[in-house]
Amino acid sequence: MLEFTVMAQIDYLLIGHITRDLTPEGDVVGGTAAYSGRIGQALGLKTAVLTSCQPDYPGLQELADLDAVVVPAEATTTFENIYTPDGRQQTIYSVANRITNQDVPEAWKKAKIVHLAPVADEVDPEIMRQFPDSLIGMTPQGWMRQWDENGRISPKEWPGAEKYFGLADIVIVSQEDLLSTDMLFQYWAWSNILVLTGGIKGCIVFYGDKAQYVPTIPVAEVDATGAGDTFATAFMFWYDKTGDPVESARFANTMASHSVTRSGIENVIKKLKKKLKEWN
């Protein structure tokens, strides 16, 4: 187990793999754990990441300013995205180690917000039970995908959804995660708060017997990288402050919208810090 630092007081804990994403321009660090970790820090949260990858993976430098525990693995989870006229074609080449209950530092079990962020079915959902007093949010896409012998990824129905969605306070899914409209209504029935994101179309918040559409704001898009991660982190952050799911969606839409007006995580962070001051 590799530990950068382990602070006793954590506001925002991310659990999931950081990844190596293969692009025509070269390798890029990916994974919600990596991107949302930086966004959480930008929002003023004491942020920690529990992940798994090769101990010498250069992408770990992205976590250098965060508290981190790394479960050593022989491989780093590696993806390639190819964009075609028919949409995104995603391939997975390797997967790091599974993250389980025994990997959670005792000091982190009192984190204010826990964000379960699997990308390749690598997080044991039973880990949720380690955080009885935390606000638990999940972006379950990694539990809702499968791949064939060539690594070609496709969506699937997650058998654990009925059991685990109700244990979370917040479940955030995108339209790409759904196989059917029936699945959406089933997820709503199982969830405490369900958020369906639609990019520039905004989002729908399902809570209790209510469904509220929340539009986004028009912006000139420069780079949409990490917009979904920004939305999820911002939603959990604001919900922890207010307990209002609709206001949290408005805040998250605003942060995600402004994030796409900049290219590069450092420029995005500067923009979000400015918008946070204006919002407050």
C-alpha atoms as a PDB file:
ATOM      1  CA  MET A   1       0.000   0.000   0.000  1.00  0.00           C
ATOM      2  CA  LEU A   2       1.443   3.359  -1.045  1.00  0.00           C
ATOM      3  CA  GLU A   3       0.453   6.378   1.013  1.00  0.00           C
ATOM      4  CA  PHE A   4       1.181   9.972   0.095  1.00  0.00           C
ATOM      5  CA  THR A   5      -0.343  11.429   3.260  1.00  0.00           C
ATOM      6  CA  VAL A   6      -3.330  10.365   5.334  1.00  0.00           C
ATOM      7  CA  MET A   7      -5.028  13.251   7.114  1.00  0.00           C
ATOM      8  CA  ALA A   8      -7.506  12.474   9.855  1.00  0.00           C
ATOM      9  CA  GLN A   9     -10.086  15.020   8.706  1.00  0.00           C
ATOM     10  CA  ILE A  10     -11.313  14.508   5.153  1.00  0.00           C
ATOM     11  CA  ASP A  11     -14.134  16.461   3.524  1.00  0.00           C
ATOM     12  CA  TYR A  12     -14.286  14.590   0.223  1.00  0.00           C
ATOM     13  CA  LEU A  13     -13.082  11.045  -0.436  1.00  0.00           C
ATOM     14  CA  LEU A  14     -12.971   9.618  -3.952  1.00  0.00           C
ATOM     15  CA  ILE A  15     -12.762   5.869  -4.516  1.00  0.00           C
ATOM     16  CA  GLY A  16     -11.910   4.543  -7.974  1.00  0.00           C
ATOM     17  CA  HIS A  17      -9.113   4.015 -10.466  1.00  0.00           C
ATOM     18  CA  ILE A  18      -7.060   6.758 -11.985  1.00  0.00           C
ATOM     19  CA  THR A  19      -6.433   5.712 -15.573  1.00  0.00           C
ATOM     20  CA  ARG A  20      -4.127   5.965 -18.533  1.00  0.00           C
ATOM     21  CA  ASP A  21      -6.110   7.247 -21.506  1.00  0.00           C
ATOM     22  CA  LEU A  22      -4.535   6.697 -24.920  1.00  0.00           C
ATOM     23  CA  THR A  23      -5.031   9.602 -27.332  1.00  0.00           C
ATOM     24  CA  PRO A  24      -3.494  10.618 -30.688  1.00  0.00           C
ATOM     25  CA  GLU A  25      -1.595  13.312 -28.800  1.00  0.00           C
ATOM     26  CA  GLY A  26      -0.164  10.842 -26.288  1.00  0.00           C
ATOM     27  CA  ASP A  27      -1.101   9.367 -22.920  1.00  0.00           C
ATOM     28  CA  VAL A  28      -3.392  11.397 -20.656  1.00  0.00           C
ATOM     29  CA  VAL A  29      -4.291  10.821 -17.012  1.00  0.00           C
ATOM     30  CA  GLY A  30      -7.982  10.023 -16.685  1.00  0.00           C
ATOM     31  CA  GLY A  31     -10.575   8.664 -14.322  1.00  0.00           C
ATOM     32  CA  THR A  32     -13.111  10.477 -12.169  1.00  0.00           C
ATOM     33  CA  ALA A  33     -10.896   9.949  -9.123  1.00  0.00           C
ATOM     34  CA  ALA A  34      -8.117  12.034 -10.658  1.00  0.00           C
ATOM     35  CA  TYR A  35     -10.217  14.824 -12.189  1.00  0.00           C
ATOM     36  CA  SER A  36     -12.810  15.195  -9.454  1.00  0.00           C
ATOM     37  CA  GLY A  37     -10.028  15.138  -6.895  1.00  0.00           C
ATOM     38  CA  ARG A  38      -8.641  18.356  -8.314  1.00  0.00           C
ATOM     39  CA  ILE A  39     -12.116  19.879  -8.623  1.00  0.00           C
ATOM     40  CA  GLY A  40     -12.954  19.057  -4.999  1.00  0.00           C
ATOM     41  CA  GLN A  41      -9.761  20.731  -3.905  1.00  0.00           C
ATOM     42  CA  ALA A  42     -10.638  23.796  -6.006  1.00  0.00           C
ATOM     43  CA  LEU A  43     -13.971  24.027  -4.170  1.00  0.00           C
ATOM     44  CA  GLY A  44     -12.094  24.207  -0.881  1.00  0.00           C
ATOM     45  CA  LEU A  45     -12.582  20.605   0.237  1.00  0.00           C
ATOM     46  CA  LYS A  46      -9.906  18.590   2.021  1.00  0.00           C
ATOM     47  CA  THR A  47      -9.738  15.886  -0.604  1.00  0.00           C
ATOM     48  CA  ALA A  48      -8.406  12.326  -0.597  1.00  0.00           C
ATOM     49  CA  VAL A  49      -8.233   9.579  -3.210  1.00  0.00           C
ATOM     50  CA  LEU A  50      -8.248   5.806  -2.729  1.00  0.00           C
ATOM     51  CA  THR A  51      -7.120   4.201  -5.982  1.00  0.00           C
ATOM     52  CA  SER A  52      -5.069   1.436  -7.580  1.00  0.00           C
ATOM     53  CA  CYS A  53      -2.455   1.516 -10.335  1.00  0.00           C
ATOM     54  CA  GLN A  54       1.165   0.670 -11.022  1.00  0.00           C
ATOM     55  CA  PRO A  55       3.339   2.233  -8.291  1.00  0.00           C
ATOM     56  CA  ASP A  56       5.545   3.893 -10.918  1.00  0.00           C
ATOM     57  CA  TYR A  57       2.685   5.250 -13.055  1.00  0.00           C
ATOM     58  CA  PRO A  58       3.659   8.858 -13.931  1.00  0.00           C
ATOM     59  CA  GLY A  59       0.004   9.871 -13.698  1.00  0.00           C
ATOM     60  CA  LEU A  60       0.238   9.664  -9.908  1.00  0.00           C
ATOM     61  CA  GLN A  61       1.786  13.122 -10.090  1.00  0.00           C
ATOM     62  CA  GLU A  62      -1.759  14.386 -10.677  1.00  0.00           C
ATOM     63  CA  LEU A  63      -2.510  13.373  -7.078  1.00  0.00           C
ATOM     64  CA  ALA A  64       0.634  14.916  -5.614  1.00  0.00           C
ATOM     65  CA  ASP A  65      -1.264  17.765  -3.929  1.00  0.00           C
ATOM     66  CA  LEU A  66      -3.974  15.454  -2.562  1.00  0.00           C
ATOM     67  CA  ASP A  67      -4.052  12.865   0.188  1.00  0.00           C
ATOM     68  CA  ALA A  68      -3.844   9.507  -1.537  1.00  0.00           C
ATOM     69  CA  VAL A  69      -3.635   5.805  -0.849  1.00  0.00           C
ATOM     70  CA  VAL A  70      -2.651   3.644  -3.810  1.00  0.00           C
ATOM     71  CA  VAL A  71      -3.241  -0.103  -3.896  1.00  0.00           C
ATOM     72  CA  PRO A  72      -0.226  -1.324  -5.921  1.00  0.00           C
ATOM     73  CA  ALA A  73      -1.088  -3.224  -9.094  1.00  0.00           C
ATOM     74  CA  GLU A  74       0.787  -4.878 -11.946  1.00  0.00           C
ATOM     75  CA  ALA A  75      -1.200  -2.835 -14.464  1.00  0.00           C
ATOM     76  CA  THR A  76      -2.818   0.574 -14.673  1.00  0.00           C
ATOM     77  CA  THR A  77      -6.375   0.728 -15.987  1.00  0.00           C
ATOM     78  CA  THR A  78      -5.981   1.828 -19.608  1.00  0.00           C
ATOM     79  CA  PHE A  79      -8.627   3.097 -22.020  1.00  0.00           C
ATOM     80  CA  GLU A  80      -8.751   4.300 -25.592  1.00  0.00           C
ATOM     81  CA  ASN A  81     -11.593   6.405 -26.986  1.00  0.00           C
ATOM     82  CA  ILE A  82     -12.125   6.617 -30.729  1.00  0.00           C
ATOM     83  CA  TYR A  83     -14.773   9.025 -32.006  1.00  0.00           C
ATOM     84  CA  THR A  84     -16.654   7.980 -35.133  1.00  0.00           C
ATOM     85  CA  PRO A  85     -19.735   9.320 -36.970  1.00  0.00           C
ATOM     86  CA  ASP A  86     -21.707   6.713 -35.026  1.00  0.00           C
ATOM     87  CA  GLY A  87     -20.448   7.939 -31.656  1.00  0.00           C
ATOM     88  CA  ARG A  88     -17.711   7.031 -29.210  1.00  0.00           C
ATOM     89  CA  GLN A  89     -16.018   3.651 -29.429  1.00  0.00           C
ATOM     90  CA  GLN A  90     -14.298   2.810 -26.143  1.00  0.00           C
ATOM     91  CA  THR A  91     -11.759   0.043 -25.564  1.00  0.00           C
ATOM     92  CA  ILE A  92     -10.164  -1.127 -22.312  1.00  0.00           C
ATOM     93  CA  TYR A  93      -6.741  -2.789 -22.388  1.00  0.00           C
ATOM     94  CA  SER A  94      -5.896  -3.429 -18.734  1.00  0.00           C
ATOM     95  CA  VAL A  95      -7.404  -3.085 -15.261  1.00  0.00           C
ATOM     96  CA  ALA A  96      -5.650  -2.400 -11.951  1.00  0.00           C
ATOM     97  CA  ASN A  97      -6.583  -4.090  -8.668  1.00  0.00           C
ATOM     98  CA  ARG A  98     -10.007  -4.196  -7.053  1.00  0.00           C
ATOM     99  CA  ILE A  99     -10.593  -1.759  -4.173  1.00  0.00           C
ATOM    100  CA  THR A 100     -12.222  -3.337  -1.114  1.00  0.00           C
ATOM    101  CA  ASN A 101     -13.128  -2.651   2.510  1.00  0.00           C
ATOM    102  CA  GLN A 102      -9.675  -3.531   3.777  1.00  0.00           C
ATOM    103  CA  ASP A 103      -8.101  -0.765   1.683  1.00  0.00           C
ATOM    104  CA  VAL A 104      -9.917   2.075   3.476  1.00  0.00           C
ATOM    105  CA  PRO A 105      -7.737   3.868   6.060  1.00  0.00           C
ATOM    106  CA  GLU A 106      -9.466   3.995   9.425  1.00  0.00           C
ATOM    107  CA  ALA A 107      -9.029   7.767   9.565  1.00  0.00           C
ATOM    108  CA  TRP A 108     -11.006   8.190   6.345  1.00  0.00           C
ATOM    109  CA  LYS A 109     -14.131   6.385   7.497  1.00  0.00           C
ATOM    110  CA  LYS A 110     -15.445   9.688   8.887  1.00  0.00           C
ATOM    111  CA  ALA A 111     -15.150  11.609   5.616  1.00  0.00           C
ATOM    112  CA  LYS A 112     -17.975  14.118   5.155  1.00  0.00           C
ATOM    113  CA  ILE A 113     -18.573  13.180   1.513  1.00  0.00           C
ATOM    114  CA  VAL A 114     -17.690   9.852  -0.090  1.00  0.00           C
ATOM    115  CA  HIS A 115     -17.782   9.654  -3.882  1.00  0.00           C
ATOM    116  CA  LEU A 116     -17.773   6.131  -5.321  1.00  0.00           C
ATOM    117  CA  ALA A 117     -16.330   6.555  -8.805  1.00  0.00           C
ATOM    118  CA  PRO A 118     -15.710   3.201 -10.511  1.00  0.00           C
ATOM    119  CA  VAL A 119     -14.648   3.175 -14.147  1.00  0.00           C
ATOM    120  CA  ALA A 120     -14.056  -0.567 -14.698  1.00  0.00           C
ATOM    121  CA  ASP A 121     -16.061  -2.473 -12.081  1.00  0.00           C
ATOM    122  CA  GLU A 122     -13.096  -2.070  -9.729  1.00  0.00           C
ATOM    123  CA  VAL A 123     -14.809  -0.879  -6.548  1.00  0.00           C
ATOM    124  CA  ASP A 124     -16.498  -3.407  -4.274  1.00  0.00           C
ATOM    125  CA  PRO A 125     -19.870  -1.719  -3.598  1.00  0.00           C
ATOM    126  CA  GLU A 126     -19.875  -3.205  -0.089  1.00  0.00           C
ATOM    127  CA  ILE A 127     -17.303  -0.529   0.699  1.00  0.00           C
ATOM    128  CA  MET A 128     -20.245   1.847   1.189  1.00  0.00           C
ATOM    129  CA  ARG A 129     -20.937   0.253   4.550  1.00  0.00           C
ATOM    130  CA  GLN A 130     -17.626   1.595   5.871  1.00  0.00           C
ATOM    131  CA  PHE A 131     -19.070   5.130   5.955  1.00  0.00           C
ATOM    132  CA  PRO A 132     -22.218   5.112   8.131  1.00  0.00           C
ATOM    133  CA  ASP A 133     -22.088   8.841   8.886  1.00  0.00           C
ATOM    134  CA  SER A 134     -20.989  10.152   5.488  1.00  0.00           C
ATOM    135  CA  LEU A 135     -22.908  11.675   2.608  1.00  0.00           C
ATOM    136  CA  ILE A 136     -22.466   9.001  -0.056  1.00  0.00           C
ATOM    137  CA  GLY A 137     -22.640   9.833  -3.734  1.00  0.00           C
ATOM    138  CA  MET A 138     -21.962   7.552  -6.644  1.00  0.00           C
ATOM    139  CA  THR A 139     -21.276   7.882 -10.342  1.00  0.00           C
ATOM    140  CA  PRO A 140     -21.851   4.196 -11.117  1.00  0.00           C
ATOM    141  CA  GLN A 141     -20.794   4.090 -14.772  1.00  0.00           C
ATOM    142  CA  GLY A 142     -17.990   1.622 -14.033  1.00  0.00           C
ATOM    143  CA  TRP A 143     -20.516  -0.875 -12.674  1.00  0.00           C
ATOM    144  CA  MET A 144     -22.719  -0.376 -15.724  1.00  0.00           C
ATOM    145  CA  ARG A 145     -20.307  -1.390 -18.476  1.00  0.00           C
ATOM    146  CA  GLN A 146     -18.927  -4.634 -19.809  1.00  0.00           C
ATOM    147  CA  TRP A 147     -16.286  -5.538 -22.378  1.00  0.00           C
ATOM    148  CA  ASP A 148     -15.607  -8.415 -24.744  1.00  0.00           C
ATOM    149  CA  GLU A 149     -12.400 -10.387 -25.353  1.00  0.00           C
ATOM    150  CA  ASN A 150     -11.076  -7.508 -27.474  1.00  0.00           C
ATOM    151  CA  GLY A 151     -11.777  -4.946 -24.770  1.00  0.00           C
ATOM    152  CA  ARG A 152     -14.672  -3.336 -26.649  1.00  0.00           C
ATOM    153  CA  ILE A 153     -16.890  -1.670 -24.055  1.00  0.00           C
ATOM    154  CA  SER A 154     -20.681  -1.683 -24.080  1.00  0.00           C
ATOM    155  CA  PRO A 155     -23.338  -0.738 -21.507  1.00  0.00           C
ATOM    156  CA  LYS A 156     -24.993  -3.344 -19.320  1.00  0.00           C
ATOM    157  CA  GLU A 157     -27.583  -3.520 -16.585  1.00  0.00           C
ATOM    158  CA  TRP A 158     -25.876  -3.602 -13.187  1.00  0.00           C
ATOM    159  CA  PRO A 159     -27.324  -6.404 -11.019  1.00  0.00           C
ATOM    160  CA  GLY A 160     -26.295  -4.553  -7.858  1.00  0.00           C
ATOM    161  CA  ALA A 161     -28.299  -1.412  -8.615  1.00  0.00           C
ATOM    162  CA  GLU A 162     -31.382  -2.436  -6.662  1.00  0.00           C
ATOM    163  CA  LYS A 163     -29.315  -3.307  -3.590  1.00  0.00           C
ATOM    164  CA  TYR A 164     -26.844  -0.441  -3.570  1.00  0.00           C
ATOM    165  CA  PHE A 165     -28.566   2.612  -5.088  1.00  0.00           C
ATOM    166  CA  GLY A 166     -30.712   2.910  -1.983  1.00  0.00           C
ATOM    167  CA  LEU A 167     -27.645   2.873   0.276  1.00  0.00           C
ATOM    168  CA  ALA A 168     -26.342   6.008  -1.431  1.00  0.00           C
ATOM    169  CA  ASP A 169     -27.685   9.496  -0.815  1.00  0.00           C
ATOM    170  CA  ILE A 170     -27.031  10.588  -4.406  1.00  0.00           C
ATOM    171  CA  VAL A 171     -26.782   8.607  -7.646  1.00  0.00           C
ATOM    172  CA  ILE A 172     -25.662  10.443 -10.784  1.00  0.00           C
ATOM    173  CA  VAL A 173     -25.991   8.783 -14.194  1.00  0.00           C
ATOM    174  CA  SER A 174     -25.774  10.013 -17.771  1.00  0.00           C
ATOM    175  CA  GLN A 175     -28.033   9.193 -20.680  1.00  0.00           C
ATOM    176  CA  GLU A 176     -25.236   6.990 -22.057  1.00  0.00           C
ATOM    177  CA  ASP A 177     -25.533   4.757 -18.979  1.00  0.00           C
ATOM    178  CA  LEU A 178     -29.154   3.827 -19.668  1.00  0.00           C
ATOM    179  CA  LEU A 179     -30.296   0.954 -21.828  1.00  0.00           C
ATOM    180  CA  SER A 180     -33.955   2.007 -21.798  1.00  0.00           C
ATOM    181  CA  THR A 181     -36.486   4.435 -20.365  1.00  0.00           C
ATOM    182  CA  ASP A 182     -37.763   1.623 -18.169  1.00  0.00           C
ATOM    183  CA  MET A 183     -34.323   1.431 -16.585  1.00  0.00           C
ATOM    184  CA  LEU A 184     -34.501   5.127 -15.692  1.00  0.00           C
ATOM    185  CA  PHE A 185     -37.788   4.704 -13.856  1.00  0.00           C
ATOM    186  CA  GLN A 186     -36.476   1.641 -12.065  1.00  0.00           C
ATOM    187  CA  TYR A 187     -33.387   3.549 -10.909  1.00  0.00           C
ATOM    188  CA  TRP A 188     -35.621   6.371  -9.691  1.00  0.00           C
ATOM    189  CA  ALA A 189     -37.606   3.906  -7.579  1.00  0.00           C
ATOM    190  CA  TRP A 190     -34.435   2.518  -6.023  1.00  0.00           C
ATOM    191  CA  SER A 191     -32.661   5.830  -5.356  1.00  0.00           C
ATOM    192  CA  ASN A 192     -32.971   8.508  -2.695  1.00  0.00           C
ATOM    193  CA  ILE A 193     -31.833  11.200  -5.127  1.00  0.00           C
ATOM    194  CA  LEU A 194     -31.209  10.320  -8.768  1.00  0.00           C
ATOM    195  CA  VAL A 195     -29.711  12.810 -11.206  1.00  0.00           C
ATOM    196  CA  LEU A 196     -29.807  12.187 -14.954  1.00  0.00           C
ATOM    197  CA  THR A 197     -27.281  14.364 -16.765  1.00  0.00           C
ATOM    198  CA  GLY A 198     -27.565  15.381 -20.388  1.00  0.00           C
ATOM    199  CA  GLY A 199     -24.579  17.627 -21.034  1.00  0.00           C
ATOM    200  CA  ILE A 200     -25.610  20.904 -22.625  1.00  0.00           C
ATOM    201  CA  LYS A 201     -29.258  19.840 -22.308  1.00  0.00           C
ATOM    202  CA  GLY A 202     -29.074  20.169 -18.518  1.00  0.00           C
ATOM    203  CA  CYS A 203     -30.208  17.543 -16.052  1.00  0.00           C
ATOM    204  CA  ILE A 204     -33.264  16.040 -14.390  1.00  0.00           C
ATOM    205  CA  VAL A 205     -33.344  15.586 -10.625  1.00  0.00           C
ATOM    206  CA  PHE A 206     -35.542  12.789  -9.281  1.00  0.00           C
ATOM    207  CA  TYR A 207     -36.265  12.910  -5.561  1.00  0.00           C
ATOM    208  CA  GLY A 208     -39.186  11.305  -3.783  1.00  0.00           C
ATOM    209  CA  ASP A 209     -42.099  11.453  -6.202  1.00  0.00           C
ATOM    210  CA  LYS A 210     -40.814  14.621  -7.893  1.00  0.00           C
ATOM    211  CA  ALA A 211     -38.853  15.100 -11.095  1.00  0.00           C
ATOM    212  CA  GLN A 212     -37.385  18.539 -11.807  1.00  0.00           C
ATOM    213  CA  TYR A 213     -35.683  19.563 -15.030  1.00  0.00           C
ATOM    214  CA  VAL A 214     -32.813  21.991 -14.453  1.00  0.00           C
ATOM    215  CA  PRO A 215     -31.436  23.721 -17.571  1.00  0.00           C
ATOM    216  CA  THR A 216     -27.806  24.565 -18.031  1.00  0.00           C
ATOM    217  CA  ILE A 217     -26.452  27.952 -19.085  1.00  0.00           C
ATOM    218  CA  PRO A 218     -25.323  28.734 -22.647  1.00  0.00           C
ATOM    219  CA  VAL A 219     -21.547  29.019 -23.028  1.00  0.00           C
ATOM    220  CA  ALA A 220     -18.959  28.832 -25.791  1.00  0.00           C
ATOM    221  CA  GLU A 221     -17.492  25.355 -25.439  1.00  0.00           C
ATOM    222  CA  VAL A 222     -13.721  25.009 -25.747  1.00  0.00           C
ATOM    223  CA  ASP A 223     -13.031  21.627 -24.137  1.00  0.00           C
ATOM    224  CA  ALA A 224     -15.638  19.353 -22.531  1.00  0.00           C
ATOM    225  CA  THR A 225     -13.066  17.135 -20.798  1.00  0.00           C
ATOM    226  CA  GLY A 226     -14.107  16.441 -17.220  1.00  0.00           C
ATOM    227  CA  ALA A 227     -17.430  18.278 -17.391  1.00  0.00           C
ATOM    228  CA  GLY A 228     -19.335  15.291 -16.023  1.00  0.00           C
ATOM    229  CA  ASP A 229     -16.849  14.872 -13.189  1.00  0.00           C
ATOM    230  CA  THR A 230     -17.100  18.574 -12.398  1.00  0.00           C
ATOM    231  CA  PHE A 231     -20.895  18.311 -12.279  1.00  0.00           C
ATOM    232  CA  ALA A 232     -20.836  15.336  -9.910  1.00  0.00           C
ATOM    233  CA  THR A 233     -18.349  16.891  -7.500  1.00  0.00           C
ATOM    234  CA  ALA A 234     -20.137  20.238  -7.499  1.00  0.00           C
ATOM    235  CA  PHE A 235     -23.526  18.597  -6.900  1.00  0.00           C
ATOM    236  CA  MET A 236     -22.285  16.619  -3.890  1.00  0.00           C
ATOM    237  CA  PHE A 237     -20.461  19.657  -2.526  1.00  0.00           C
ATOM    238  CA  TRP A 238     -23.524  21.911  -2.711  1.00  0.00           C
ATOM    239  CA  TYR A 239     -25.936  19.268  -1.476  1.00  0.00           C
ATOM    240  CA  ASP A 240     -23.748  18.733   1.586  1.00  0.00           C
ATOM    241  CA  LYS A 241     -24.008  22.480   2.268  1.00  0.00           C
ATOM    242  CA  THR A 242     -27.718  22.971   1.553  1.00  0.00           C
ATOM    243  CA  GLY A 243     -29.595  19.668   1.482  1.00  0.00           C
ATOM    244  CA  ASP A 244     -31.465  21.015  -1.566  1.00  0.00           C
ATOM    245  CA  PRO A 245     -31.194  18.749  -4.629  1.00  0.00           C
ATOM    246  CA  VAL A 246     -32.589  21.263  -7.119  1.00  0.00           C
ATOM    247  CA  GLU A 247     -30.329  24.106  -5.986  1.00  0.00           C
ATOM    248  CA  SER A 248     -27.440  21.648  -6.028  1.00  0.00           C
ATOM    249  CA  ALA A 249     -28.245  20.833  -9.651  1.00  0.00           C
ATOM    250  CA  ARG A 250     -28.295  24.535 -10.552  1.00  0.00           C
ATOM    251  CA  PHE A 251     -24.922  25.019  -8.893  1.00  0.00           C
ATOM    252  CA  ALA A 252     -23.474  21.909 -10.544  1.00  0.00           C
ATOM    253  CA  ASN A 253     -24.778  22.921 -13.985  1.00  0.00           C
ATOM    254  CA  THR A 254     -23.169  26.327 -13.575  1.00  0.00           C
ATOM    255  CA  MET A 255     -19.803  24.901 -12.550  1.00  0.00           C
ATOM    256  CA  ALA A 256     -19.831  22.266 -15.302  1.00  0.00           C
ATOM    257  CA  SER A 257     -20.843  24.821 -17.930  1.00  0.00           C
ATOM    258  CA  HIS A 258     -18.022  27.166 -17.028  1.00  0.00           C
ATOM    259  CA  SER A 259     -15.559  24.280 -16.910  1.00  0.00           C
ATOM    260  CA  VAL A 260     -15.969  23.678 -20.652  1.00  0.00           C
ATOM    261  CA  THR A 261     -14.983  27.261 -21.483  1.00  0.00           C
ATOM    262  CA  ARG A 262     -11.361  26.505 -20.612  1.00  0.00           C
ATOM    263  CA  SER A 263      -8.841  23.914 -21.759  1.00  0.00           C
ATOM    264  CA  GLY A 264      -6.542  22.256 -19.226  1.00  0.00           C
ATOM    265  CA  ILE A 265      -7.283  21.435 -15.610  1.00  0.00           C
ATOM    266  CA  GLU A 266      -5.316  24.381 -14.191  1.00  0.00           C
ATOM    267  CA  ASN A 267      -7.302  26.877 -16.271  1.00  0.00           C
ATOM    268  CA  VAL A 268     -10.552  25.150 -15.334  1.00  0.00           C
ATOM    269  CA  ILE A 269      -9.674  25.374 -11.644  1.00  0.00           C
ATOM    270  CA  LYS A 270      -9.003  29.114 -11.890  1.00  0.00           C
ATOM    271  CA  LYS A 271     -12.370  29.624 -13.572  1.00  0.00           C
ATOM    272  CA  LEU A 272     -14.266  27.545 -11.010  1.00  0.00           C
ATOM    273  CA  LYS A 273     -12.671  29.323  -8.064  1.00  0.00           C
ATOM    274  CA  LYS A 274     -13.819  32.624  -9.546  1.00  0.00           C
ATOM    275  CA  LYS A 275     -17.381  31.378 -10.106  1.00  0.00           C
ATOM    276  CA  LEU A 276     -17.530  29.933  -6.589  1.00  0.00           C
ATOM    277  CA  LYS A 277     -16.729  33.340  -5.106  1.00  0.00           C
ATOM    278  CA  GLU A 278     -19.435  34.938  -7.240  1.00  0.00           C
ATOM    279  CA  TRP A 279     -21.962  32.253  -6.255  1.00  0.00           C
ATOM    280  CA  ASN A 280     -21.317  32.737  -2.557  1.00  0.00           C
END
